[in-house]
C-alpha atoms as a PDB file:
ATOM      1  CA  MET A   1      -0.094   0.055   0.007  1.00  0.00           C
ATOM      2  CA  THR A   2       1.214   3.338  -0.963  1.00  0.00           C
ATOM      3  CA  THR A   3       0.327   6.506   0.935  1.00  0.00           C
ATOM      4  CA  PHE A   4      -0.209   9.455  -1.392  1.00  0.00           C
ATOM      5  CA  ALA A   5       0.082  12.762   0.453  1.00  0.00           C
ATOM      6  CA  LEU A   6      -1.725  15.111  -1.754  1.00  0.00           C
ATOM      7  CA  VAL A   7      -0.499  18.764  -1.473  1.00  0.00           C
ATOM      8  CA  PRO A   8      -2.928  21.574  -3.048  1.00  0.00           C
ATOM      9  CA  GLY A   9      -1.829  24.639  -4.776  1.00  0.00           C
ATOM     10  CA  ALA A  10      -2.598  28.297  -4.041  1.00  0.00           C
ATOM     11  CA  GLY A  11      -5.674  28.565  -1.820  1.00  0.00           C
ATOM     12  CA  GLY A  12      -4.692  25.440   0.088  1.00  0.00           C
ATOM     13  CA  ALA A  13      -7.891  23.456  -0.157  1.00  0.00           C
ATOM     14  CA  ALA A  14      -7.706  19.756   0.303  1.00  0.00           C
ATOM     15  CA  TRP A  15     -11.145  19.704  -1.305  1.00  0.00           C
ATOM     16  CA  TYR A  16      -9.250  19.935  -4.656  1.00  0.00           C
ATOM     17  CA  TRP A  17      -8.262  16.244  -4.217  1.00  0.00           C
ATOM     18  CA  HIS A  18     -11.717  15.262  -3.407  1.00  0.00           C
ATOM     19  CA  ARG A  19     -12.480  13.327  -6.444  1.00  0.00           C
ATOM     20  CA  VAL A  20      -9.150  11.375  -6.444  1.00  0.00           C
ATOM     21  CA  VAL A  21      -8.953  10.389  -2.549  1.00  0.00           C
ATOM     22  CA  PRO A  22     -11.913   7.676  -2.959  1.00  0.00           C
ATOM     23  CA  LEU A  23     -10.486   6.393  -5.975  1.00  0.00           C
ATOM     24  CA  LEU A  24      -6.987   5.780  -4.597  1.00  0.00           C
ATOM     25  CA  GLU A  25      -8.607   4.166  -1.462  1.00  0.00           C
ATOM     26  CA  ASP A  26     -10.923   1.838  -3.529  1.00  0.00           C
ATOM     27  CA  ALA A  27      -7.755   0.610  -5.073  1.00  0.00           C
ATOM     28  CA  GLY A  28      -6.348  -0.170  -1.750  1.00  0.00           C
ATOM     29  CA  HIS A  29      -4.090   2.871  -1.137  1.00  0.00           C
ATOM     30  CA  GLU A  30      -3.988   5.485   1.390  1.00  0.00           C
ATOM     31  CA  ALA A  31      -4.604   8.994   0.269  1.00  0.00           C
ATOM     32  CA  VAL A  32      -4.126  11.968   2.726  1.00  0.00           C
ATOM     33  CA  ALA A  33      -5.130  15.258   1.248  1.00  0.00           C
ATOM     34  CA  VAL A  34      -3.535  18.064   3.166  1.00  0.00           C
ATOM     35  CA  GLU A  35      -5.398  21.350   4.075  1.00  0.00           C
ATOM     36  CA  LEU A  36      -2.976  24.294   4.225  1.00  0.00           C
ATOM     37  CA  PRO A  37      -3.709  27.676   6.000  1.00  0.00           C
ATOM     38  CA  ALA A  38      -3.317  29.676   2.767  1.00  0.00           C
ATOM     39  CA  ASP A  39      -4.996  32.697   4.234  1.00  0.00           C
ATOM     40  CA  ASP A  40      -2.868  32.894   7.354  1.00  0.00           C
ATOM     41  CA  PRO A  41      -0.658  35.790   6.833  1.00  0.00           C
ATOM     42  CA  ASP A  42       1.924  34.135   9.398  1.00  0.00           C
ATOM     43  CA  ALA A  43       2.025  30.767   7.501  1.00  0.00           C
ATOM     44  CA  GLY A  44       4.484  30.110   4.716  1.00  0.00           C
ATOM     45  CA  LEU A  45       6.271  27.175   3.195  1.00  0.00           C
ATOM     46  CA  PRO A  46       8.069  25.899   6.293  1.00  0.00           C
ATOM     47  CA  GLU A  47       4.510  25.761   8.006  1.00  0.00           C
ATOM     48  CA  TYR A  48       3.062  24.078   4.940  1.00  0.00           C
ATOM     49  CA  ALA A  49       5.863  21.380   4.859  1.00  0.00           C
ATOM     50  CA  ALA A  50       5.364  20.728   8.625  1.00  0.00           C
ATOM     51  CA  LEU A  51       1.675  20.157   8.080  1.00  0.00           C
ATOM     52  CA  VAL A  52       2.195  17.761   5.290  1.00  0.00           C
ATOM     53  CA  ILE A  53       4.962  15.934   7.420  1.00  0.00           C
ATOM     54  CA  ALA A  54       2.522  15.607  10.343  1.00  0.00           C
ATOM     55  CA  ALA A  55      -0.285  14.353   8.210  1.00  0.00           C
ATOM     56  CA  VAL A  56       1.847  11.309   7.134  1.00  0.00           C
ATOM     57  CA  GLU A  57       3.647  10.648  10.383  1.00  0.00           C
ATOM     58  CA  GLY A  58       4.388   6.920  10.907  1.00  0.00           C
ATOM     59  CA  ARG A  59       3.972   5.941   7.360  1.00  0.00           C
ATOM     60  CA  ASP A  60       6.861   4.360   5.292  1.00  0.00           C
ATOM     61  CA  ASP A  61       5.947   4.199   1.703  1.00  0.00           C
ATOM     62  CA  VAL A  62       4.849   7.862   1.208  1.00  0.00           C
ATOM     63  CA  VAL A  63       4.720   9.487  -2.270  1.00  0.00           C
ATOM     64  CA  VAL A  64       4.181  13.254  -2.069  1.00  0.00           C
ATOM     65  CA  VAL A  65       2.112  14.916  -5.048  1.00  0.00           C
ATOM     66  CA  GLY A  66       2.167  18.635  -5.307  1.00  0.00           C
ATOM     67  CA  GLN A  67      -0.222  20.410  -7.627  1.00  0.00           C
ATOM     68  CA  SER A  68       0.532  23.974  -8.989  1.00  0.00           C
ATOM     69  CA  MET A  69       1.994  25.935  -6.227  1.00  0.00           C
ATOM     70  CA  GLY A  70       2.348  22.653  -4.094  1.00  0.00           C
ATOM     71  CA  GLY A  71       5.481  22.096  -6.140  1.00  0.00           C
ATOM     72  CA  PHE A  72       7.253  24.477  -3.808  1.00  0.00           C
ATOM     73  CA  THR A  73       6.232  22.454  -0.687  1.00  0.00           C
ATOM     74  CA  VAL A  74       6.924  18.998  -1.642  1.00  0.00           C
ATOM     75  CA  PRO A  75      10.711  18.979  -2.224  1.00  0.00           C
ATOM     76  CA  MET A  76      10.823  20.595   1.320  1.00  0.00           C
ATOM     77  CA  VAL A  77       8.964  17.709   2.722  1.00  0.00           C
ATOM     78  CA  ALA A  78      11.079  15.342   0.850  1.00  0.00           C
ATOM     79  CA  ALA A  79      14.341  16.942   2.273  1.00  0.00           C
ATOM     80  CA  ARG A  80      12.877  16.566   5.780  1.00  0.00           C
ATOM     81  CA  ARG A  81      11.620  12.955   5.900  1.00  0.00           C
ATOM     82  CA  PRO A  82      12.053   9.943   3.954  1.00  0.00           C
ATOM     83  CA  VAL A  83       9.587   9.671   0.974  1.00  0.00           C
ATOM     84  CA  ALA A  84       9.512   7.033  -1.775  1.00  0.00           C
ATOM     85  CA  GLY A  85       8.591   9.529  -4.634  1.00  0.00           C
ATOM     86  CA  ILE A  86       7.737  12.910  -5.719  1.00  0.00           C
ATOM     87  CA  VAL A  87       4.968  13.751  -8.213  1.00  0.00           C
ATOM     88  CA  LEU A  88       4.554  17.299  -9.652  1.00  0.00           C
ATOM     89  CA  LEU A  89       1.208  18.030 -11.175  1.00  0.00           C
ATOM     90  CA  ASN A  90       1.060  21.049 -13.353  1.00  0.00           C
ATOM     91  CA  ALA A  91       3.342  22.442 -10.789  1.00  0.00           C
ATOM     92  CA  MET A  92       5.745  25.184 -10.119  1.00  0.00           C
ATOM     93  CA  VAL A  93       9.277  23.671 -10.009  1.00  0.00           C
ATOM     94  CA  PRO A  94      11.343  25.605  -7.679  1.00  0.00           C
ATOM     95  CA  LEU A  95      15.167  26.131  -7.528  1.00  0.00           C
ATOM     96  CA  PRO A  96      16.942  26.104  -4.272  1.00  0.00           C
ATOM     97  CA  GLY A  97      16.297  29.222  -2.290  1.00  0.00           C
ATOM     98  CA  GLU A  98      13.707  30.520  -4.848  1.00  0.00           C
ATOM     99  CA  THR A  99      10.414  32.017  -3.905  1.00  0.00           C
ATOM    100  CA  ALA A 100       7.205  31.435  -5.517  1.00  0.00           C
ATOM    101  CA  GLY A 101       6.930  35.128  -6.117  1.00  0.00           C
ATOM    102  CA  ALA A 102      10.011  35.030  -8.181  1.00  0.00           C
ATOM    103  CA  TRP A 103       9.473  32.011 -10.149  1.00  0.00           C
ATOM    104  CA  TRP A 104       6.892  33.569 -12.620  1.00  0.00           C
ATOM    105  CA  ASP A 105       9.386  35.861 -14.131  1.00  0.00           C
ATOM    106  CA  ALA A 106      12.209  33.547 -13.807  1.00  0.00           C
ATOM    107  CA  VAL A 107      10.262  30.856 -16.163  1.00  0.00           C
ATOM    108  CA  ARG A 108       8.724  33.458 -18.134  1.00  0.00           C
ATOM    109  CA  CYS A 109       5.217  32.086 -17.295  1.00  0.00           C
ATOM    110  CA  GLU A 110       3.224  35.027 -18.301  1.00  0.00           C
ATOM    111  CA  GLU A 111       4.822  34.980 -21.899  1.00  0.00           C
ATOM    112  CA  ALA A 112       4.040  31.310 -22.182  1.00  0.00           C
ATOM    113  CA  ARG A 113       0.545  31.798 -20.974  1.00  0.00           C
ATOM    114  CA  VAL A 114      -0.470  34.502 -23.510  1.00  0.00           C
ATOM    115  CA  ALA A 115       1.543  32.567 -26.345  1.00  0.00           C
ATOM    116  CA  ALA A 116      -0.527  29.561 -25.768  1.00  0.00           C
ATOM    117  CA  ALA A 117      -3.754  31.618 -25.561  1.00  0.00           C
ATOM    118  CA  ARG A 118      -2.942  33.259 -29.097  1.00  0.00           C
ATOM    119  CA  ALA A 119      -2.293  29.680 -30.582  1.00  0.00           C
ATOM    120  CA  GLY A 120      -5.303  28.040 -28.943  1.00  0.00           C
ATOM    121  CA  GLY A 121      -7.872  30.859 -29.580  1.00  0.00           C
ATOM    122  CA  TRP A 122      -9.017  31.623 -26.120  1.00  0.00           C
ATOM    123  CA  SER A 123      -8.714  34.964 -24.320  1.00  0.00           C
ATOM    124  CA  GLU A 124      -5.430  36.376 -23.283  1.00  0.00           C
ATOM    125  CA  GLU A 125      -6.976  38.076 -20.346  1.00  0.00           C
ATOM    126  CA  PHE A 126      -6.841  35.918 -17.235  1.00  0.00           C
ATOM    127  CA  ASP A 127     -10.134  34.733 -15.679  1.00  0.00           C
ATOM    128  CA  LEU A 128     -10.959  31.636 -13.603  1.00  0.00           C
ATOM    129  CA  ASP A 129     -13.450  30.161 -16.150  1.00  0.00           C
ATOM    130  CA  THR A 130     -11.064  30.324 -18.879  1.00  0.00           C
ATOM    131  CA  TYR A 131      -7.836  29.095 -17.285  1.00  0.00           C
ATOM    132  CA  PHE A 132      -8.953  26.960 -14.428  1.00  0.00           C
ATOM    133  CA  PHE A 133     -12.540  25.835 -15.042  1.00  0.00           C
ATOM    134  CA  HIS A 134     -12.806  25.383 -18.706  1.00  0.00           C
ATOM    135  CA  ASP A 135     -12.854  21.486 -18.501  1.00  0.00           C
ATOM    136  CA  VAL A 136     -14.356  21.212 -14.982  1.00  0.00           C
ATOM    137  CA  ASP A 137     -18.149  20.077 -14.540  1.00  0.00           C
ATOM    138  CA  PRO A 138     -19.899  23.231 -13.638  1.00  0.00           C
ATOM    139  CA  ALA A 139     -21.638  21.505 -10.822  1.00  0.00           C
ATOM    140  CA  VAL A 140     -18.265  20.520  -9.364  1.00  0.00           C
ATOM    141  CA  ALA A 141     -16.796  23.989  -9.833  1.00  0.00           C
ATOM    142  CA  ALA A 142     -19.806  25.252  -7.840  1.00  0.00           C
ATOM    143  CA  ARG A 143     -19.315  23.163  -4.964  1.00  0.00           C
ATOM    144  CA  GLY A 144     -15.664  24.521  -4.808  1.00  0.00           C
ATOM    145  CA  GLU A 145     -16.659  28.096  -4.147  1.00  0.00           C
ATOM    146  CA  GLU A 146     -17.066  27.700  -0.464  1.00  0.00           C
ATOM    147  CA  HIS A 147     -13.539  26.140  -0.172  1.00  0.00           C
ATOM    148  CA  GLN A 148     -11.786  29.079  -2.061  1.00  0.00           C
ATOM    149  CA  ARG A 149      -9.377  31.263  -0.058  1.00  0.00           C
ATOM    150  CA  PRO A 150      -7.023  33.875  -0.972  1.00  0.00           C
ATOM    151  CA  GLU A 151      -3.091  32.835  -0.722  1.00  0.00           C
ATOM    152  CA  ALA A 152      -1.466  35.167   1.698  1.00  0.00           C
ATOM    153  CA  GLU A 153       1.781  36.884   0.574  1.00  0.00           C
ATOM    154  CA  ARG A 154       3.933  35.065   3.049  1.00  0.00           C
ATOM    155  CA  ALA A 155       3.954  31.919   1.077  1.00  0.00           C
ATOM    156  CA  PHE A 156       4.945  33.885  -2.062  1.00  0.00           C
ATOM    157  CA  GLU A 157       7.878  35.459  -0.066  1.00  0.00           C
ATOM    158  CA  THR A 158       9.295  32.463   1.891  1.00  0.00           C
ATOM    159  CA  PRO A 159      12.034  30.510  -0.007  1.00  0.00           C
ATOM    160  CA  CYS A 160      11.997  26.862  -0.917  1.00  0.00           C
ATOM    161  CA  ALA A 161      14.385  25.874   1.832  1.00  0.00           C
ATOM    162  CA  ILE A 162      16.361  23.024   0.097  1.00  0.00           C
ATOM    163  CA  ASP A 163      20.156  22.809  -0.745  1.00  0.00           C
ATOM    164  CA  ALA A 164      19.383  20.777  -3.845  1.00  0.00           C
ATOM    165  CA  TRP A 165      16.473  18.886  -5.321  1.00  0.00           C
ATOM    166  CA  PRO A 166      15.973  15.814  -3.257  1.00  0.00           C
ATOM    167  CA  ASP A 167      17.566  12.689  -4.266  1.00  0.00           C
ATOM    168  CA  VAL A 168      14.314  11.033  -4.655  1.00  0.00           C
ATOM    169  CA  PRO A 169      12.447   9.638  -7.768  1.00  0.00           C
ATOM    170  CA  THR A 170      10.590  12.412  -9.242  1.00  0.00           C
ATOM    171  CA  ARG A 171       7.944  12.457 -12.005  1.00  0.00           C
ATOM    172  CA  VAL A 172       6.442  15.475 -13.741  1.00  0.00           C
ATOM    173  CA  VAL A 173       2.899  15.220 -15.077  1.00  0.00           C
ATOM    174  CA  ALA A 174       1.174  17.938 -16.845  1.00  0.00           C
ATOM    175  CA  GLY A 175      -2.454  18.221 -17.870  1.00  0.00           C
ATOM    176  CA  ALA A 176      -2.526  18.013 -21.691  1.00  0.00           C
ATOM    177  CA  GLY A 177      -5.002  20.916 -21.720  1.00  0.00           C
ATOM    178  CA  ASP A 178      -3.554  23.304 -19.056  1.00  0.00           C
ATOM    179  CA  ARG A 179      -4.005  26.593 -20.203  1.00  0.00           C
ATOM    180  CA  PHE A 180      -2.443  28.464 -17.032  1.00  0.00           C
ATOM    181  CA  PHE A 181       0.846  26.450 -17.172  1.00  0.00           C
ATOM    182  CA  PRO A 182       0.970  25.396 -20.774  1.00  0.00           C
ATOM    183  CA  VAL A 183       2.530  22.077 -21.705  1.00  0.00           C
ATOM    184  CA  ASP A 184       5.461  23.532 -23.575  1.00  0.00           C
ATOM    185  CA  LEU A 185       6.267  25.994 -20.407  1.00  0.00           C
ATOM    186  CA  GLN A 186       6.117  22.793 -18.138  1.00  0.00           C
ATOM    187  CA  ARG A 187       8.344  20.627 -20.367  1.00  0.00           C
ATOM    188  CA  ARG A 188      10.744  23.365 -20.712  1.00  0.00           C
ATOM    189  CA  VAL A 189      11.142  24.249 -16.891  1.00  0.00           C
ATOM    190  CA  ALA A 190      11.210  20.392 -16.224  1.00  0.00           C
ATOM    191  CA  ARG A 191      14.045  19.790 -18.441  1.00  0.00           C
ATOM    192  CA  ASP A 192      15.985  22.803 -17.582  1.00  0.00           C
ATOM    193  CA  ARG A 193      15.597  22.590 -13.768  1.00  0.00           C
ATOM    194  CA  LEU A 194      15.274  18.739 -13.307  1.00  0.00           C
ATOM    195  CA  GLY A 195      16.676  17.178 -16.373  1.00  0.00           C
ATOM    196  CA  LEU A 196      13.369  15.239 -16.806  1.00  0.00           C
ATOM    197  CA  ASP A 197      10.819  14.776 -19.464  1.00  0.00           C
ATOM    198  CA  ILE A 198       7.088  15.213 -18.654  1.00  0.00           C
ATOM    199  CA  ASP A 199       4.123  12.876 -18.677  1.00  0.00           C
ATOM    200  CA  LEU A 200       0.885  13.876 -19.972  1.00  0.00           C
ATOM    201  CA  VAL A 201      -2.577  13.129 -18.631  1.00  0.00           C
ATOM    202  CA  ALA A 202      -5.964  14.236 -19.754  1.00  0.00           C
ATOM    203  CA  GLY A 203      -7.169  17.526 -18.110  1.00  0.00           C
ATOM    204  CA  GLY A 204      -6.401  21.181 -17.674  1.00  0.00           C
ATOM    205  CA  HIS A 205      -4.612  22.992 -14.645  1.00  0.00           C
ATOM    206  CA  LEU A 206      -7.313  21.384 -12.339  1.00  0.00           C
ATOM    207  CA  ALA A 207      -6.940  17.768 -13.642  1.00  0.00           C
ATOM    208  CA  ALA A 208      -7.923  16.304 -10.328  1.00  0.00           C
ATOM    209  CA  LEU A 209     -11.335  17.951 -10.631  1.00  0.00           C
ATOM    210  CA  SER A 210     -11.886  17.538 -14.330  1.00  0.00           C
ATOM    211  CA  HIS A 211     -10.340  14.030 -14.968  1.00  0.00           C
ATOM    212  CA  PRO A 212      -9.851  12.414 -11.508  1.00  0.00           C
ATOM    213  CA  ALA A 213      -9.902   8.693 -12.965  1.00  0.00           C
ATOM    214  CA  GLU A 214      -7.160   9.414 -15.533  1.00  0.00           C
ATOM    215  CA  LEU A 215      -5.033  11.128 -13.021  1.00  0.00           C
ATOM    216  CA  THR A 216      -5.593   8.293 -10.525  1.00  0.00           C
ATOM    217  CA  ALA A 217      -4.758   5.636 -12.931  1.00  0.00           C
ATOM    218  CA  TYR A 218      -1.555   7.664 -13.761  1.00  0.00           C
ATOM    219  CA  LEU A 219      -0.520   7.634  -9.952  1.00  0.00           C
ATOM    220  CA  MET A 220      -1.311   4.017  -9.502  1.00  0.00           C
ATOM    221  CA  ALA A 221       0.333   2.887 -12.702  1.00  0.00           C
ATOM    222  CA  SER A 222       3.632   4.624 -11.916  1.00  0.00           C
ATOM    223  CA  GLY A 223       3.402   3.833  -8.050  1.00  0.00           C
ATOM    224  CA  GLY A 224       4.123   7.683  -8.024  1.00  0.00           C
ATOM    225  CA  HIS A 225       7.898   6.584  -8.007  1.00  0.00           C
ATOM    226  CA  ARG A 226       8.433   3.232  -9.601  1.00  0.00           C
ATOM    227  CA  GLU A 227      10.449   3.547 -12.829  1.00  0.00           C
END
């Protein structure tokens, strides 16, 4: 049995994983979706990593899965406790000591987003429906409104406190339809920063909401960490 520690992106809502958790559990795994205090002005990446570590205390075969901004938390977890693997899902891939606030310009994220919008024919102006919910069932998206919280600035200002990327098997998986972090951007960042190719799954930036079965199958097929 693998324990999947599921780390959400900005906003910190464990609810993001609610369609994946039961599928992993039905397959005999343990799934721990971690709620992060995103709107707490005194909480940053160290506090996020500590919460994830506490949530999986006593487990041995742990795979940490970070979505979007969760990519800044998962290497800090892996640097502080043994884990069997890391999965980065549509994730921000940090350099040691980098802040999430600095990441956007460093990887030319906005440039990539606008170029993909021009090529794909959707609006270059950011809005949630176009970039996050375009492939999510409206009923599911509506249920998520009560879980949305603004991300406090501290999480963007605290550095990813690792000396180097953890020596842990790592996989990078991108939603083939991600408009916010387009596939070309994710492929370039994964190659430049980790020397890795990316895998593709169905779905956009919120693939766990739009295509939970496909994402769950990917996690189980790879074991999160087995080459």
